[in-house]
PDB file of N, CA and C in Angstrom:
ATOM      1  N   HIS A   1     -67.787 -53.187 -51.959  1.00  0.00           N
ATOM      2  CA  HIS A   1     -66.553 -53.160 -51.702  1.00  0.00           C
ATOM      3  C   HIS A   1     -66.260 -53.143 -50.402  1.00  0.00           C
ATOM      4  N   ALA A   2     -65.531 -53.792 -49.668  1.00  0.00           N
ATOM      5  CA  ALA A   2     -65.929 -53.980 -48.133  1.00  0.00           C
ATOM      6  C   ALA A   2     -64.901 -52.870 -47.332  1.00  0.00           C
ATOM      7  N   GLU A   3     -64.416 -51.991 -47.568  1.00  0.00           N
ATOM      8  CA  GLU A   3     -64.199 -50.532 -47.590  1.00  0.00           C
ATOM      9  C   GLU A   3     -65.277 -49.426 -47.494  1.00  0.00           C
ATOM     10  N   ASN A   4     -66.714 -49.952 -47.925  1.00  0.00           N
ATOM     11  CA  ASN A   4     -68.004 -48.929 -47.299  1.00  0.00           C
ATOM     12  C   ASN A   4     -68.585 -49.794 -46.510  1.00  0.00           C
ATOM     13  N   ILE A   5     -67.963 -51.033 -45.938  1.00  0.00           N
ATOM     14  CA  ILE A   5     -68.465 -51.737 -44.870  1.00  0.00           C
ATOM     15  C   ILE A   5     -67.769 -50.944 -43.414  1.00  0.00           C
ATOM     16  N   THR A   6     -68.913 -50.692 -42.680  1.00  0.00           N
ATOM     17  CA  THR A   6     -68.475 -50.756 -41.198  1.00  0.00           C
ATOM     18  C   THR A   6     -67.424 -51.763 -40.745  1.00  0.00           C
ATOM     19  N   PRO A   7     -66.441 -51.641 -40.218  1.00  0.00           N
ATOM     20  CA  PRO A   7     -65.730 -52.477 -39.239  1.00  0.00           C
ATOM     21  C   PRO A   7     -66.112 -53.352 -38.428  1.00  0.00           C
ATOM     22  N   GLU A   8     -67.123 -53.081 -37.900  1.00  0.00           N
ATOM     23  CA  GLU A   8     -68.210 -53.429 -36.904  1.00  0.00           C
ATOM     24  C   GLU A   8     -68.805 -54.829 -37.666  1.00  0.00           C
ATOM     25  N   PHE A   9     -69.287 -54.741 -38.806  1.00  0.00           N
ATOM     26  CA  PHE A   9     -69.558 -55.796 -39.719  1.00  0.00           C
ATOM     27  C   PHE A   9     -68.730 -57.158 -39.665  1.00  0.00           C
ATOM     28  N   PHE A  10     -67.440 -56.749 -39.708  1.00  0.00           N
ATOM     29  CA  PHE A  10     -66.812 -57.942 -39.588  1.00  0.00           C
ATOM     30  C   PHE A  10     -66.387 -58.982 -38.282  1.00  0.00           C
ATOM     31  N   ASP A  11     -66.725 -57.889 -37.766  1.00  0.00           N
ATOM     32  CA  ASP A  11     -66.266 -58.375 -36.040  1.00  0.00           C
ATOM     33  C   ASP A  11     -68.138 -59.044 -35.922  1.00  0.00           C
ATOM     34  N   LEU A  12     -67.783 -60.758 -35.500  1.00  0.00           N
ATOM     35  CA  LEU A  12     -68.967 -61.728 -35.605  1.00  0.00           C
ATOM     36  C   LEU A  12     -69.561 -61.210 -34.179  1.00  0.00           C
ATOM     37  N   LYS A  13     -68.842 -61.203 -33.310  1.00  0.00           N
ATOM     38  CA  LYS A  13     -70.077 -60.888 -32.059  1.00  0.00           C
ATOM     39  C   LYS A  13     -70.830 -59.576 -31.846  1.00  0.00           C
ATOM     40  N   THR A  14     -70.826 -58.512 -33.292  1.00  0.00           N
ATOM     41  CA  THR A  14     -71.916 -58.057 -32.974  1.00  0.00           C
ATOM     42  C   THR A  14     -72.835 -57.828 -33.730  1.00  0.00           C
ATOM     43  N   LYS A  15     -72.886 -59.342 -34.039  1.00  0.00           N
ATOM     44  CA  LYS A  15     -74.020 -60.175 -35.113  1.00  0.00           C
ATOM     45  C   LYS A  15     -74.469 -58.817 -36.031  1.00  0.00           C
ATOM     46  N   ILE A  16     -73.990 -57.945 -36.658  1.00  0.00           N
ATOM     47  CA  ILE A  16     -74.182 -57.111 -37.840  1.00  0.00           C
ATOM     48  C   ILE A  16     -74.016 -57.910 -39.006  1.00  0.00           C
ATOM     49  N   ALA A  17     -73.242 -58.781 -39.367  1.00  0.00           N
ATOM     50  CA  ALA A  17     -73.251 -59.128 -40.493  1.00  0.00           C
ATOM     51  C   ALA A  17     -74.006 -60.565 -40.454  1.00  0.00           C
ATOM     52  N   GLY A  18     -74.123 -61.320 -39.422  1.00  0.00           N
ATOM     53  CA  GLY A  18     -75.206 -62.444 -39.671  1.00  0.00           C
ATOM     54  C   GLY A  18     -76.525 -61.735 -39.699  1.00  0.00           C
ATOM     55  N   GLU A  19     -76.998 -60.979 -39.176  1.00  0.00           N
ATOM     56  CA  GLU A  19     -78.506 -60.388 -39.117  1.00  0.00           C
ATOM     57  C   GLU A  19     -78.155 -59.714 -40.918  1.00  0.00           C
ATOM     58  N   ILE A  20     -77.923 -58.856 -41.149  1.00  0.00           N
ATOM     59  CA  ILE A  20     -77.788 -58.149 -42.591  1.00  0.00           C
ATOM     60  C   ILE A  20     -77.778 -59.351 -43.640  1.00  0.00           C
ATOM     61  N   LEU A  21     -76.556 -60.304 -43.742  1.00  0.00           N
ATOM     62  CA  LEU A  21     -76.651 -61.405 -44.574  1.00  0.00           C
ATOM     63  C   LEU A  21     -77.735 -62.363 -44.403  1.00  0.00           C
ATOM     64  N   GLN A  22     -78.249 -62.581 -43.625  1.00  0.00           N
ATOM     65  CA  GLN A  22     -79.841 -63.251 -43.167  1.00  0.00           C
ATOM     66  C   GLN A  22     -81.052 -62.541 -44.006  1.00  0.00           C
ATOM     67  N   LYS A  23     -80.974 -61.637 -43.982  1.00  0.00           N
ATOM     68  CA  LYS A  23     -82.055 -60.629 -44.520  1.00  0.00           C
ATOM     69  C   LYS A  23     -81.676 -61.271 -46.274  1.00  0.00           C
ATOM     70  N   PHE A  24     -80.405 -60.771 -47.010  1.00  0.00           N
ATOM     71  CA  PHE A  24     -80.433 -61.401 -48.301  1.00  0.00           C
ATOM     72  C   PHE A  24     -80.716 -62.637 -48.272  1.00  0.00           C
ATOM     73  N   SER A  25     -80.483 -63.347 -47.780  1.00  0.00           N
ATOM     74  CA  SER A  25     -80.668 -65.153 -48.006  1.00  0.00           C
ATOM     75  C   SER A  25     -82.420 -65.151 -47.823  1.00  0.00           C
ATOM     76  N   ASN A  26     -83.038 -64.774 -46.782  1.00  0.00           N
ATOM     77  CA  ASN A  26     -84.106 -64.881 -46.324  1.00  0.00           C
ATOM     78  C   ASN A  26     -85.189 -64.222 -47.925  1.00  0.00           C
ATOM     79  N   TYR A  27     -84.582 -63.533 -48.573  1.00  0.00           N
ATOM     80  CA  TYR A  27     -84.985 -62.919 -49.668  1.00  0.00           C
ATOM     81  C   TYR A  27     -84.944 -63.451 -51.231  1.00  0.00           C
ATOM     82  N   ARG A  28     -83.648 -63.812 -50.742  1.00  0.00           N
ATOM     83  CA  ARG A  28     -83.421 -64.819 -51.869  1.00  0.00           C
ATOM     84  C   ARG A  28     -82.567 -63.870 -53.024  1.00  0.00           C
ATOM     85  N   VAL A  29     -81.690 -62.487 -52.099  1.00  0.00           N
ATOM     86  CA  VAL A  29     -81.451 -61.423 -53.024  1.00  0.00           C
ATOM     87  C   VAL A  29     -79.815 -61.886 -53.146  1.00  0.00           C
ATOM     88  N   ARG A  30     -79.446 -61.821 -53.820  1.00  0.00           N
ATOM     89  CA  ARG A  30     -77.649 -62.110 -54.323  1.00  0.00           C
ATOM     90  C   ARG A  30     -76.912 -61.028 -53.722  1.00  0.00           C
ATOM     91  N   LEU A  31     -75.558 -60.834 -53.074  1.00  0.00           N
ATOM     92  CA  LEU A  31     -74.567 -59.930 -52.456  1.00  0.00           C
ATOM     93  C   LEU A  31     -73.600 -60.873 -52.963  1.00  0.00           C
ATOM     94  N   SER A  32     -72.439 -60.000 -53.540  1.00  0.00           N
ATOM     95  CA  SER A  32     -70.680 -60.159 -53.243  1.00  0.00           C
ATOM     96  C   SER A  32     -70.185 -58.605 -52.877  1.00  0.00           C
ATOM     97  N   ILE A  33     -69.610 -59.433 -51.978  1.00  0.00           N
ATOM     98  CA  ILE A  33     -68.775 -57.863 -51.463  1.00  0.00           C
ATOM     99  C   ILE A  33     -67.241 -58.596 -51.750  1.00  0.00           C
ATOM    100  N   VAL A  34     -66.714 -57.364 -52.018  1.00  0.00           N
ATOM    101  CA  VAL A  34     -65.452 -57.333 -52.523  1.00  0.00           C
ATOM    102  C   VAL A  34     -64.238 -56.875 -51.816  1.00  0.00           C
ATOM    103  N   GLY A  35     -63.489 -57.509 -51.527  1.00  0.00           N
ATOM    104  CA  GLY A  35     -62.479 -56.879 -50.739  1.00  0.00           C
ATOM    105  C   GLY A  35     -60.882 -57.780 -50.458  1.00  0.00           C
ATOM    106  N   ASP A  36     -60.057 -57.478 -49.580  1.00  0.00           N
ATOM    107  CA  ASP A  36     -58.607 -58.359 -49.134  1.00  0.00           C
ATOM    108  C   ASP A  36     -59.201 -58.675 -47.517  1.00  0.00           C
ATOM    109  N   PHE A  37     -59.735 -59.901 -47.606  1.00  0.00           N
ATOM    110  CA  PHE A  37     -60.338 -60.885 -46.310  1.00  0.00           C
ATOM    111  C   PHE A  37     -59.367 -61.282 -45.425  1.00  0.00           C
ATOM    112  N   THR A  38     -58.336 -61.333 -46.009  1.00  0.00           N
ATOM    113  CA  THR A  38     -56.610 -62.286 -45.617  1.00  0.00           C
ATOM    114  C   THR A  38     -56.301 -61.335 -43.937  1.00  0.00           C
ATOM    115  N   VAL A  39     -56.715 -59.839 -44.657  1.00  0.00           N
ATOM    116  CA  VAL A  39     -56.314 -58.795 -43.094  1.00  0.00           C
ATOM    117  C   VAL A  39     -57.308 -59.507 -41.966  1.00  0.00           C
ATOM    118  N   TYR A  40     -58.281 -59.893 -42.255  1.00  0.00           N
ATOM    119  CA  TYR A  40     -58.900 -60.740 -40.929  1.00  0.00           C
ATOM    120  C   TYR A  40     -58.884 -62.147 -39.946  1.00  0.00           C
ATOM    121  N   THR A  41     -57.546 -61.710 -38.821  1.00  0.00           N
ATOM    122  CA  THR A  41     -57.354 -63.031 -38.542  1.00  0.00           C
ATOM    123  C   THR A  41     -58.663 -63.808 -37.664  1.00  0.00           C
ATOM    124  N   SER A  42     -59.342 -63.245 -37.370  1.00  0.00           N
ATOM    125  CA  SER A  42     -60.572 -64.094 -37.039  1.00  0.00           C
ATOM    126  C   SER A  42     -60.839 -65.312 -37.409  1.00  0.00           C
ATOM    127  N   ARG A  43     -60.553 -66.746 -36.877  1.00  0.00           N
ATOM    128  CA  ARG A  43     -60.953 -67.581 -37.062  1.00  0.00           C
ATOM    129  C   ARG A  43     -62.457 -67.898 -37.495  1.00  0.00           C
ATOM    130  N   SER A  44     -63.300 -67.517 -36.690  1.00  0.00           N
ATOM    131  CA  SER A  44     -64.721 -67.255 -36.335  1.00  0.00           C
ATOM    132  C   SER A  44     -64.902 -66.636 -38.261  1.00  0.00           C
ATOM    133  N   LEU A  45     -64.646 -65.812 -38.377  1.00  0.00           N
ATOM    134  CA  LEU A  45     -64.488 -64.641 -39.185  1.00  0.00           C
ATOM    135  C   LEU A  45     -64.615 -65.851 -40.579  1.00  0.00           C
ATOM    136  N   LYS A  46     -63.517 -65.787 -40.492  1.00  0.00           N
ATOM    137  CA  LYS A  46     -62.771 -67.331 -41.744  1.00  0.00           C
ATOM    138  C   LYS A  46     -63.558 -68.012 -42.129  1.00  0.00           C
ATOM    139  N   ASP A  47     -64.079 -68.686 -41.331  1.00  0.00           N
ATOM    140  CA  ASP A  47     -64.924 -69.886 -41.166  1.00  0.00           C
ATOM    141  C   ASP A  47     -66.359 -69.465 -41.642  1.00  0.00           C
ATOM    142  N   PHE A  48     -66.575 -68.638 -41.180  1.00  0.00           N
ATOM    143  CA  PHE A  48     -68.184 -67.622 -41.944  1.00  0.00           C
ATOM    144  C   PHE A  48     -68.395 -66.965 -43.373  1.00  0.00           C
ATOM    145  N   ILE A  49     -66.807 -66.492 -43.675  1.00  0.00           N
ATOM    146  CA  ILE A  49     -66.822 -66.301 -45.226  1.00  0.00           C
ATOM    147  C   ILE A  49     -66.761 -67.580 -45.831  1.00  0.00           C
ATOM    148  N   HIS A  50     -65.720 -68.890 -45.357  1.00  0.00           N
ATOM    149  CA  HIS A  50     -65.590 -69.828 -46.311  1.00  0.00           C
ATOM    150  C   HIS A  50     -67.609 -70.482 -46.573  1.00  0.00           C
ATOM    151  N   GLU A  51     -68.097 -70.426 -45.500  1.00  0.00           N
ATOM    152  CA  GLU A  51     -69.128 -70.834 -45.384  1.00  0.00           C
ATOM    153  C   GLU A  51     -70.508 -70.146 -46.097  1.00  0.00           C
ATOM    154  N   SER A  52     -70.070 -69.068 -46.420  1.00  0.00           N
ATOM    155  CA  SER A  52     -70.690 -68.477 -46.920  1.00  0.00           C
ATOM    156  C   SER A  52     -70.457 -68.246 -48.873  1.00  0.00           C
ATOM    157  N   ASN A  53     -69.357 -68.808 -49.082  1.00  0.00           N
ATOM    158  CA  ASN A  53     -68.770 -69.180 -50.193  1.00  0.00           C
ATOM    159  C   ASN A  53     -68.954 -70.137 -50.936  1.00  0.00           C
ATOM    160  N   LYS A  54     -69.767 -71.190 -49.935  1.00  0.00           N
ATOM    161  CA  LYS A  54     -70.209 -72.250 -50.668  1.00  0.00           C
ATOM    162  C   LYS A  54     -71.590 -71.918 -51.323  1.00  0.00           C
ATOM    163  N   GLY A  55     -72.514 -71.563 -50.533  1.00  0.00           N
ATOM    164  CA  GLY A  55     -73.784 -71.303 -51.494  1.00  0.00           C
ATOM    165  C   GLY A  55     -73.087 -70.041 -52.586  1.00  0.00           C
ATOM    166  N   LYS A  56     -74.730 -69.620 -52.988  1.00  0.00           N
ATOM    167  CA  LYS A  56     -74.785 -68.962 -54.658  1.00  0.00           C
ATOM    168  C   LYS A  56     -75.364 -67.014 -53.778  1.00  0.00           C
ATOM    169  N   LEU A  57     -76.455 -67.114 -53.162  1.00  0.00           N
ATOM    170  CA  LEU A  57     -76.330 -65.763 -52.572  1.00  0.00           C
ATOM    171  C   LEU A  57     -75.421 -64.646 -52.069  1.00  0.00           C
ATOM    172  N   VAL A  58     -74.721 -65.110 -51.467  1.00  0.00           N
ATOM    173  CA  VAL A  58     -73.605 -64.226 -50.660  1.00  0.00           C
ATOM    174  C   VAL A  58     -72.184 -64.823 -50.798  1.00  0.00           C
ATOM    175  N   ASN A  59     -71.187 -63.931 -51.263  1.00  0.00           N
ATOM    176  CA  ASN A  59     -69.975 -64.719 -51.058  1.00  0.00           C
ATOM    177  C   ASN A  59     -68.835 -63.496 -51.195  1.00  0.00           C
ATOM    178  N   PHE A  60     -67.793 -63.585 -50.897  1.00  0.00           N
ATOM    179  CA  PHE A  60     -67.132 -62.511 -50.435  1.00  0.00           C
ATOM    180  C   PHE A  60     -65.658 -63.096 -51.461  1.00  0.00           C
ATOM    181  N   VAL A  61     -65.528 -61.940 -52.386  1.00  0.00           N
ATOM    182  CA  VAL A  61     -64.701 -61.894 -53.422  1.00  0.00           C
ATOM    183  C   VAL A  61     -63.274 -61.012 -53.376  1.00  0.00           C
ATOM    184  N   ASP A  62     -62.543 -61.286 -54.205  1.00  0.00           N
ATOM    185  CA  ASP A  62     -61.151 -60.414 -54.173  1.00  0.00           C
ATOM    186  C   ASP A  62     -61.544 -59.703 -55.568  1.00  0.00           C
ATOM    187  N   SER A  63     -62.341 -59.227 -56.546  1.00  0.00           N
ATOM    188  CA  SER A  63     -62.319 -58.524 -57.628  1.00  0.00           C
ATOM    189  C   SER A  63     -64.021 -58.363 -57.652  1.00  0.00           C
ATOM    190  N   LEU A  64     -64.248 -57.556 -58.305  1.00  0.00           N
ATOM    191  CA  LEU A  64     -65.475 -56.892 -59.530  1.00  0.00           C
ATOM    192  C   LEU A  64     -65.672 -58.091 -60.484  1.00  0.00           C
ATOM    193  N   GLU A  65     -64.286 -58.731 -61.031  1.00  0.00           N
ATOM    194  CA  GLU A  65     -65.053 -59.509 -62.236  1.00  0.00           C
ATOM    195  C   GLU A  65     -65.382 -60.597 -61.241  1.00  0.00           C
ATOM    196  N   GLU A  66     -64.303 -61.132 -60.208  1.00  0.00           N
ATOM    197  CA  GLU A  66     -65.186 -62.481 -59.471  1.00  0.00           C
ATOM    198  C   GLU A  66     -66.553 -62.556 -58.862  1.00  0.00           C
ATOM    199  N   ALA A  67     -66.821 -61.007 -58.661  1.00  0.00           N
ATOM    200  CA  ALA A  67     -68.268 -60.123 -57.868  1.00  0.00           C
ATOM    201  C   ALA A  67     -69.089 -61.058 -59.347  1.00  0.00           C
ATOM    202  N   LEU A  68     -68.983 -60.336 -60.027  1.00  0.00           N
ATOM    203  CA  LEU A  68     -70.375 -60.378 -61.565  1.00  0.00           C
ATOM    204  C   LEU A  68     -70.000 -61.490 -62.201  1.00  0.00           C
ATOM    205  N   GLU A  69     -69.487 -62.671 -62.018  1.00  0.00           N
ATOM    206  CA  GLU A  69     -69.108 -63.563 -62.128  1.00  0.00           C
ATOM    207  C   GLU A  69     -69.892 -64.687 -61.369  1.00  0.00           C
ATOM    208  N   ARG A  70     -69.880 -64.343 -60.194  1.00  0.00           N
ATOM    209  CA  ARG A  70     -70.822 -65.583 -59.143  1.00  0.00           C
ATOM    210  C   ARG A  70     -72.323 -64.911 -59.285  1.00  0.00           C
ATOM    211  N   LEU A  71     -72.292 -63.376 -59.059  1.00  0.00           N
ATOM    212  CA  LEU A  71     -73.741 -62.698 -59.139  1.00  0.00           C
ATOM    213  C   LEU A  71     -74.628 -63.557 -60.743  1.00  0.00           C
ATOM    214  N   SER A  72     -73.931 -63.638 -62.105  1.00  0.00           N
ATOM    215  CA  SER A  72     -74.886 -63.767 -62.765  1.00  0.00           C
ATOM    216  C   SER A  72     -74.670 -65.285 -62.904  1.00  0.00           C
ATOM    217  N   SER A  73     -73.981 -66.398 -62.394  1.00  0.00           N
ATOM    218  CA  SER A  73     -74.245 -67.859 -62.145  1.00  0.00           C
ATOM    219  C   SER A  73     -75.443 -68.159 -61.518  1.00  0.00           C
TER     220      SER A  73
END
């Protein structure tokens, strides 16, 4: 869940999200982050989430049910 992740993760200038999620992608490990991402106003973060959700490895989703669905497909 997003509330278990440091707020700096969602500030792309810190590069934390990019570095961590790149590791998941490199090792082909699936990850779903559950939360309400509408609270973030950064256009670059919204684009980052949108691009991540196009793939199958890293997804930002609204519910646990959606996370489980994405992880099992």
